[in-house]
Amino acid sequence: MASSLTDADIITLGRFVCCYPNAEDPLRGAAQRARKFVALTYPQNRWYVRAFVSLANIWQRLLGSTFRAFVHAPDRMQAVLENGGFVRSARRGTAFWMFDLYRRDTAGAADRRWITGREARCQVRAVYIEGAPPSSRTI
């Protein structure tokens, strides 16, 4: 699905990942296509939400529908987006739904492109602490 879409500044996945048994694939695709932001809403990973989703899935099965809803672990979804170069910048929730907004980590991505090895990472951290401008980095 993601391969047929064009890149966009903002990708929204409103109540989207709960429709897939594997949330990682749609999130990975969104991270590849989003230039600036990924926003998503998903069901809270709480006992009463999981119970409600289970009952809704039983009802769907009784009606003869093949649709099923899924509750995914937020830390796994966050890991996929972070591996795609995003950092979470906002989180809001209700009793049932969560909203997360991730922004592309352009500064971190630039550092990861140029820095390799433990010593280089330590040098850059020291430069940030001392307040030196990025142009004075010795890499």
N, C-alpha and C. Protein backbone atom coordinates (compact mmCIF):
# COMPACT_ATOMS: atom_id res chain seq x y z
N MET A 1 0.82 -1.19 0.00
CA MET A 1 0.00 0.00 0.00
C MET A 1 0.86 1.25 0.00
N ALA A 2 1.86 1.36 0.89
CA ALA A 2 2.68 2.55 0.99
C ALA A 2 3.47 2.82 -0.28
N SER A 3 3.84 1.78 -1.01
CA SER A 3 4.62 1.98 -2.22
C SER A 3 3.83 2.69 -3.31
N SER A 4 2.50 2.65 -3.24
CA SER A 4 1.69 3.31 -4.25
C SER A 4 1.38 4.76 -3.90
N LEU A 5 1.78 5.21 -2.72
CA LEU A 5 1.51 6.58 -2.28
C LEU A 5 2.71 7.47 -2.50
N THR A 6 2.46 8.77 -2.65
CA THR A 6 3.56 9.73 -2.78
C THR A 6 3.95 10.24 -1.40
N ASP A 7 5.11 10.86 -1.31
CA ASP A 7 5.56 11.45 -0.06
C ASP A 7 4.67 12.64 0.30
N ALA A 8 4.58 12.92 1.60
CA ALA A 8 3.76 14.03 2.08
C ALA A 8 4.42 14.66 3.30
N ASP A 9 4.14 15.92 3.55
CA ASP A 9 4.67 16.58 4.74
C ASP A 9 4.09 15.95 6.00
N ILE A 10 2.79 15.69 5.99
CA ILE A 10 2.10 15.15 7.16
C ILE A 10 1.32 13.90 6.75
N ILE A 11 1.49 12.84 7.50
CA ILE A 11 0.70 11.62 7.29
C ILE A 11 -0.10 11.38 8.55
N THR A 12 -1.40 11.22 8.40
CA THR A 12 -2.27 10.94 9.53
C THR A 12 -2.82 9.53 9.42
N LEU A 13 -2.79 8.83 10.52
CA LEU A 13 -3.33 7.48 10.61
C LEU A 13 -4.39 7.48 11.69
N GLY A 14 -5.54 8.05 11.38
CA GLY A 14 -6.62 8.18 12.33
C GLY A 14 -7.40 6.88 12.44
N ARG A 15 -7.31 6.25 13.61
CA ARG A 15 -7.98 4.96 13.86
C ARG A 15 -7.68 3.97 12.75
N PHE A 16 -6.43 3.89 12.41
CA PHE A 16 -5.98 3.11 11.27
C PHE A 16 -5.24 1.86 11.71
N VAL A 17 -4.26 2.00 12.61
CA VAL A 17 -3.43 0.86 12.98
C VAL A 17 -4.24 -0.22 13.71
N CYS A 18 -5.36 0.15 14.32
CA CYS A 18 -6.16 -0.86 15.03
C CYS A 18 -6.89 -1.79 14.07
N CYS A 19 -6.86 -1.48 12.78
CA CYS A 19 -7.50 -2.34 11.78
C CYS A 19 -6.55 -3.40 11.23
N TYR A 20 -5.32 -3.40 11.66
CA TYR A 20 -4.31 -4.32 11.13
C TYR A 20 -3.73 -5.18 12.24
N PRO A 21 -3.58 -6.48 12.00
CA PRO A 21 -2.98 -7.33 13.04
C PRO A 21 -1.52 -6.98 13.30
N ASN A 22 -0.85 -6.42 12.30
CA ASN A 22 0.55 -6.04 12.41
C ASN A 22 0.64 -4.53 12.20
N ALA A 23 0.79 -3.77 13.28
CA ALA A 23 0.84 -2.30 13.17
C ALA A 23 2.17 -1.81 12.62
N GLU A 24 3.20 -2.63 12.71
CA GLU A 24 4.53 -2.18 12.33
C GLU A 24 4.63 -1.85 10.84
N ASP A 25 4.00 -2.66 9.98
CA ASP A 25 4.12 -2.41 8.53
C ASP A 25 3.51 -1.08 8.10
N PRO A 26 2.27 -0.75 8.49
CA PRO A 26 1.74 0.57 8.11
C PRO A 26 2.54 1.72 8.70
N LEU A 27 3.03 1.55 9.93
CA LEU A 27 3.82 2.62 10.55
C LEU A 27 5.15 2.80 9.85
N ARG A 28 5.76 1.70 9.46
CA ARG A 28 7.03 1.77 8.73
C ARG A 28 6.82 2.49 7.40
N GLY A 29 5.72 2.17 6.72
CA GLY A 29 5.41 2.84 5.46
C GLY A 29 5.16 4.32 5.65
N ALA A 30 4.45 4.68 6.72
CA ALA A 30 4.21 6.10 7.01
C ALA A 30 5.52 6.83 7.30
N ALA A 31 6.39 6.19 8.05
CA ALA A 31 7.68 6.82 8.38
C ALA A 31 8.53 7.03 7.12
N GLN A 32 8.42 6.14 6.17
CA GLN A 32 9.17 6.29 4.92
C GLN A 32 8.63 7.41 4.06
N ARG A 33 7.32 7.64 4.11
CA ARG A 33 6.67 8.62 3.22
C ARG A 33 6.52 10.01 3.83
N ALA A 34 6.55 10.14 5.15
CA ALA A 34 6.33 11.44 5.79
C ALA A 34 7.62 12.25 5.82
N ARG A 35 7.53 13.47 5.34
CA ARG A 35 8.70 14.36 5.36
C ARG A 35 8.84 15.06 6.71
N LYS A 36 7.71 15.39 7.37
CA LYS A 36 7.80 16.17 8.61
C LYS A 36 7.09 15.55 9.81
N PHE A 37 5.84 15.09 9.63
CA PHE A 37 5.04 14.62 10.76
C PHE A 37 4.30 13.33 10.45
N VAL A 38 4.12 12.52 11.51
CA VAL A 38 3.21 11.39 11.47
C VAL A 38 2.30 11.53 12.69
N ALA A 39 1.00 11.54 12.46
CA ALA A 39 0.03 11.62 13.54
C ALA A 39 -0.82 10.35 13.52
N LEU A 40 -1.08 9.78 14.69
CA LEU A 40 -1.89 8.58 14.72
C LEU A 40 -2.76 8.53 15.96
N THR A 41 -3.92 7.93 15.79
CA THR A 41 -4.80 7.64 16.92
C THR A 41 -4.96 6.12 16.97
N TYR A 42 -5.07 5.62 18.19
CA TYR A 42 -5.17 4.18 18.38
C TYR A 42 -5.83 3.91 19.73
N PRO A 43 -6.41 2.72 19.91
CA PRO A 43 -7.04 2.40 21.19
C PRO A 43 -6.00 2.27 22.30
N GLN A 44 -6.36 2.75 23.48
CA GLN A 44 -5.49 2.61 24.64
C GLN A 44 -5.22 1.12 24.91
N ASN A 45 -4.05 0.82 25.38
CA ASN A 45 -3.71 -0.56 25.73
C ASN A 45 -4.03 -0.79 27.21
N ARG A 46 -5.33 -0.76 27.52
CA ARG A 46 -5.81 -0.95 28.89
C ARG A 46 -6.76 -2.14 28.91
N TRP A 47 -6.94 -2.75 30.08
CA TRP A 47 -7.72 -3.97 30.19
C TRP A 47 -9.14 -3.79 29.67
N TYR A 48 -9.78 -2.67 30.02
CA TYR A 48 -11.18 -2.50 29.62
C TYR A 48 -11.31 -2.23 28.12
N VAL A 49 -10.30 -1.62 27.52
CA VAL A 49 -10.32 -1.41 26.07
C VAL A 49 -10.11 -2.74 25.36
N ARG A 50 -9.14 -3.52 25.84
CA ARG A 50 -8.93 -4.85 25.25
C ARG A 50 -10.17 -5.71 25.37
N ALA A 51 -10.86 -5.63 26.52
CA ALA A 51 -12.10 -6.41 26.72
C ALA A 51 -13.17 -5.95 25.73
N PHE A 52 -13.34 -4.65 25.57
CA PHE A 52 -14.34 -4.12 24.64
C PHE A 52 -14.02 -4.55 23.21
N VAL A 53 -12.76 -4.46 22.81
CA VAL A 53 -12.36 -4.86 21.45
C VAL A 53 -12.59 -6.35 21.25
N SER A 54 -12.32 -7.15 22.25
CA SER A 54 -12.57 -8.59 22.15
C SER A 54 -14.05 -8.88 21.95
N LEU A 55 -14.90 -8.20 22.71
CA LEU A 55 -16.35 -8.38 22.56
C LEU A 55 -16.82 -7.90 21.18
N ALA A 56 -16.27 -6.80 20.72
CA ALA A 56 -16.63 -6.29 19.39
C ALA A 56 -16.21 -7.29 18.31
N ASN A 57 -15.05 -7.92 18.48
CA ASN A 57 -14.60 -8.92 17.51
C ASN A 57 -15.49 -10.16 17.52
N ILE A 58 -15.96 -10.56 18.71
CA ILE A 58 -16.89 -11.68 18.79
C ILE A 58 -18.19 -11.33 18.07
N TRP A 59 -18.66 -10.12 18.28
CA TRP A 59 -19.89 -9.66 17.61
C TRP A 59 -19.70 -9.67 16.09
N GLN A 60 -18.55 -9.20 15.62
CA GLN A 60 -18.27 -9.20 14.18
C GLN A 60 -18.28 -10.63 13.63
N ARG A 61 -17.69 -11.55 14.38
CA ARG A 61 -17.66 -12.95 13.95
C ARG A 61 -19.08 -13.53 13.89
N LEU A 62 -19.91 -13.22 14.89
CA LEU A 62 -21.30 -13.71 14.90
C LEU A 62 -22.11 -13.16 13.73
N LEU A 63 -21.77 -11.95 13.30
CA LEU A 63 -22.46 -11.34 12.15
C LEU A 63 -21.92 -11.86 10.82
N GLY A 64 -20.86 -12.66 10.87
CA GLY A 64 -20.29 -13.21 9.66
C GLY A 64 -19.26 -12.31 9.00
N SER A 65 -18.85 -11.27 9.69
CA SER A 65 -17.86 -10.34 9.15
C SER A 65 -16.44 -10.86 9.41
N THR A 66 -15.54 -10.60 8.49
CA THR A 66 -14.14 -10.98 8.69
C THR A 66 -13.33 -9.86 9.34
N PHE A 67 -13.94 -8.69 9.53
CA PHE A 67 -13.23 -7.57 10.15
C PHE A 67 -12.92 -7.88 11.61
N ARG A 68 -11.71 -7.53 12.03
CA ARG A 68 -11.30 -7.63 13.42
C ARG A 68 -10.52 -6.37 13.77
N ALA A 69 -10.67 -5.94 15.01
CA ALA A 69 -9.91 -4.79 15.52
C ALA A 69 -8.80 -5.32 16.42
N PHE A 70 -7.75 -4.50 16.58
CA PHE A 70 -6.58 -4.93 17.34
C PHE A 70 -6.11 -3.80 18.25
N VAL A 71 -5.61 -4.17 19.41
CA VAL A 71 -4.99 -3.22 20.33
C VAL A 71 -3.50 -3.54 20.35
N HIS A 72 -2.70 -2.55 19.99
CA HIS A 72 -1.25 -2.75 19.88
C HIS A 72 -0.52 -2.08 21.03
N ALA A 73 0.66 -2.58 21.33
CA ALA A 73 1.50 -2.01 22.38
C ALA A 73 2.09 -0.67 21.90
N PRO A 74 1.83 0.42 22.62
CA PRO A 74 2.34 1.73 22.19
C PRO A 74 3.85 1.79 22.08
N ASP A 75 4.57 1.09 22.96
CA ASP A 75 6.03 1.15 22.90
C ASP A 75 6.58 0.50 21.63
N ARG A 76 5.91 -0.51 21.12
CA ARG A 76 6.35 -1.13 19.85
C ARG A 76 6.09 -0.19 18.69
N MET A 77 4.94 0.50 18.70
CA MET A 77 4.65 1.46 17.63
C MET A 77 5.63 2.63 17.68
N GLN A 78 5.94 3.08 18.89
CA GLN A 78 6.90 4.16 19.05
C GLN A 78 8.28 3.75 18.53
N ALA A 79 8.69 2.53 18.81
CA ALA A 79 10.00 2.05 18.35
C ALA A 79 10.09 2.06 16.83
N VAL A 80 9.01 1.67 16.15
CA VAL A 80 9.01 1.66 14.68
C VAL A 80 9.21 3.08 14.15
N LEU A 81 8.48 4.04 14.72
CA LEU A 81 8.59 5.42 14.24
C LEU A 81 9.94 6.03 14.61
N GLU A 82 10.46 5.72 15.77
CA GLU A 82 11.78 6.22 16.15
C GLU A 82 12.86 5.64 15.24
N ASN A 83 12.75 4.37 14.89
CA ASN A 83 13.69 3.77 13.95
C ASN A 83 13.60 4.41 12.57
N GLY A 84 12.44 4.99 12.26
CA GLY A 84 12.24 5.69 11.00
C GLY A 84 12.69 7.14 11.04
N GLY A 85 13.27 7.59 12.16
CA GLY A 85 13.79 8.94 12.25
C GLY A 85 12.85 9.96 12.86
N PHE A 86 11.84 9.50 13.64
CA PHE A 86 10.87 10.41 14.24
C PHE A 86 11.00 10.41 15.75
N VAL A 87 10.60 11.52 16.36
CA VAL A 87 10.53 11.62 17.82
C VAL A 87 9.12 12.06 18.18
N ARG A 88 8.62 11.55 19.28
CA ARG A 88 7.26 11.94 19.70
C ARG A 88 7.31 13.35 20.25
N SER A 89 6.41 14.20 19.76
CA SER A 89 6.36 15.58 20.24
C SER A 89 5.08 15.90 20.98
N ALA A 90 4.07 15.03 20.91
CA ALA A 90 2.83 15.26 21.66
C ALA A 90 2.11 13.94 21.87
N ARG A 91 1.41 13.88 23.00
CA ARG A 91 0.57 12.72 23.30
C ARG A 91 -0.63 13.20 24.10
N ARG A 92 -1.79 12.82 23.65
CA ARG A 92 -3.05 13.14 24.34
C ARG A 92 -3.89 11.88 24.36
N GLY A 93 -4.79 11.78 25.34
CA GLY A 93 -5.61 10.59 25.39
C GLY A 93 -6.95 10.81 26.05
N THR A 94 -7.85 9.92 25.74
CA THR A 94 -9.13 9.84 26.42
C THR A 94 -9.16 8.49 27.12
N ALA A 95 -10.29 8.12 27.65
CA ALA A 95 -10.40 6.83 28.32
C ALA A 95 -10.21 5.68 27.33
N PHE A 96 -10.51 5.91 26.06
CA PHE A 96 -10.45 4.84 25.06
C PHE A 96 -9.36 5.07 24.02
N TRP A 97 -9.17 6.29 23.55
CA TRP A 97 -8.27 6.57 22.43
C TRP A 97 -7.03 7.33 22.86
N MET A 98 -5.95 7.10 22.12
CA MET A 98 -4.71 7.87 22.29
C MET A 98 -4.40 8.59 20.98
N PHE A 99 -3.78 9.75 21.10
CA PHE A 99 -3.30 10.50 19.94
C PHE A 99 -1.82 10.76 20.17
N ASP A 100 -1.00 10.40 19.19
CA ASP A 100 0.43 10.69 19.23
C ASP A 100 0.81 11.48 17.99
N LEU A 101 1.66 12.48 18.19
CA LEU A 101 2.21 13.24 17.08
C LEU A 101 3.71 13.07 17.11
N TYR A 102 4.27 12.64 15.99
CA TYR A 102 5.71 12.46 15.85
C TYR A 102 6.22 13.43 14.80
N ARG A 103 7.40 14.00 15.06
CA ARG A 103 8.03 14.89 14.08
C ARG A 103 9.36 14.28 13.66
N ARG A 104 9.73 14.57 12.44
CA ARG A 104 11.00 14.04 11.96
C ARG A 104 12.13 14.67 12.74
N ASP A 105 13.05 13.86 13.19
CA ASP A 105 14.19 14.31 13.98
C ASP A 105 15.32 14.69 13.04
N THR A 106 15.24 15.88 12.45
CA THR A 106 16.22 16.29 11.44
C THR A 106 17.60 16.51 12.05
N ALA A 107 17.68 17.07 13.25
CA ALA A 107 18.99 17.27 13.88
C ALA A 107 19.63 15.94 14.22
N GLY A 108 18.85 15.04 14.80
CA GLY A 108 19.37 13.72 15.15
C GLY A 108 19.77 12.92 13.93
N ALA A 109 18.99 13.06 12.84
CA ALA A 109 19.32 12.34 11.61
C ALA A 109 20.64 12.83 11.04
N ALA A 110 20.87 14.14 11.10
CA ALA A 110 22.12 14.68 10.59
C ALA A 110 23.29 14.16 11.43
N ASP A 111 23.12 14.12 12.75
CA ASP A 111 24.17 13.61 13.61
C ASP A 111 24.45 12.15 13.31
N ARG A 112 23.40 11.35 13.09
CA ARG A 112 23.60 9.92 12.84
C ARG A 112 24.30 9.69 11.51
N ARG A 113 24.12 10.58 10.54
CA ARG A 113 24.79 10.40 9.25
C ARG A 113 26.29 10.62 9.38
N TRP A 114 26.69 11.55 10.22
CA TRP A 114 28.09 11.94 10.26
C TRP A 114 28.89 11.29 11.37
N ILE A 115 28.24 10.79 12.38
CA ILE A 115 28.95 10.31 13.56
C ILE A 115 28.93 8.80 13.61
N THR A 116 30.09 8.23 13.79
CA THR A 116 30.18 6.80 14.03
C THR A 116 31.16 6.59 15.16
N GLY A 117 30.92 5.61 15.95
CA GLY A 117 31.83 5.29 17.04
C GLY A 117 31.49 6.02 18.32
N ARG A 118 31.86 5.40 19.44
CA ARG A 118 31.55 5.95 20.76
C ARG A 118 32.25 7.28 20.99
N GLU A 119 33.49 7.43 20.57
CA GLU A 119 34.25 8.65 20.82
C GLU A 119 33.62 9.85 20.13
N ALA A 120 33.18 9.66 18.91
CA ALA A 120 32.57 10.76 18.17
C ALA A 120 31.28 11.22 18.85
N ARG A 121 30.48 10.28 19.33
CA ARG A 121 29.23 10.66 20.01
C ARG A 121 29.55 11.44 21.28
N CYS A 122 30.56 11.03 22.02
CA CYS A 122 30.93 11.74 23.24
C CYS A 122 31.42 13.15 22.92
N GLN A 123 32.19 13.31 21.84
CA GLN A 123 32.67 14.64 21.46
C GLN A 123 31.51 15.58 21.14
N VAL A 124 30.55 15.09 20.39
CA VAL A 124 29.42 15.94 20.01
C VAL A 124 28.61 16.31 21.24
N ARG A 125 28.38 15.36 22.17
CA ARG A 125 27.66 15.69 23.39
C ARG A 125 28.39 16.78 24.15
N ALA A 126 29.71 16.72 24.23
CA ALA A 126 30.48 17.74 24.94
C ALA A 126 30.32 19.09 24.26
N VAL A 127 30.28 19.12 22.94
CA VAL A 127 30.11 20.39 22.22
C VAL A 127 28.75 20.98 22.55
N TYR A 128 27.71 20.15 22.59
CA TYR A 128 26.38 20.65 22.92
C TYR A 128 26.36 21.22 24.34
N ILE A 129 26.99 20.55 25.26
CA ILE A 129 26.99 21.01 26.65
C ILE A 129 27.71 22.33 26.78
N GLU A 130 28.83 22.50 26.07
CA GLU A 130 29.59 23.73 26.15
C GLU A 130 28.93 24.87 25.37
N GLY A 131 27.96 24.56 24.55
CA GLY A 131 27.24 25.59 23.82
C GLY A 131 27.93 26.04 22.55
N ALA A 132 28.89 25.30 22.06
CA ALA A 132 29.57 25.67 20.82
C ALA A 132 28.65 25.52 19.64
N PRO A 133 28.77 26.37 18.63
CA PRO A 133 27.92 26.22 17.45
C PRO A 133 28.25 24.95 16.69
N PRO A 134 27.27 24.38 15.98
CA PRO A 134 27.50 23.13 15.25
C PRO A 134 28.65 23.21 14.26
N SER A 135 28.97 24.39 13.72
CA SER A 135 30.05 24.50 12.74
C SER A 135 31.41 24.23 13.36
N SER A 136 31.51 24.25 14.69
CA SER A 136 32.80 24.02 15.33
C SER A 136 33.04 22.56 15.68
N ARG A 137 32.16 21.68 15.27
CA ARG A 137 32.33 20.26 15.56
C ARG A 137 33.54 19.72 14.83
N THR A 138 34.29 18.91 15.52
CA THR A 138 35.41 18.22 14.90
C THR A 138 35.06 16.76 14.79
N ILE A 139 34.82 16.33 13.56
CA ILE A 139 34.42 14.95 13.36
C ILE A 139 35.38 14.31 12.36
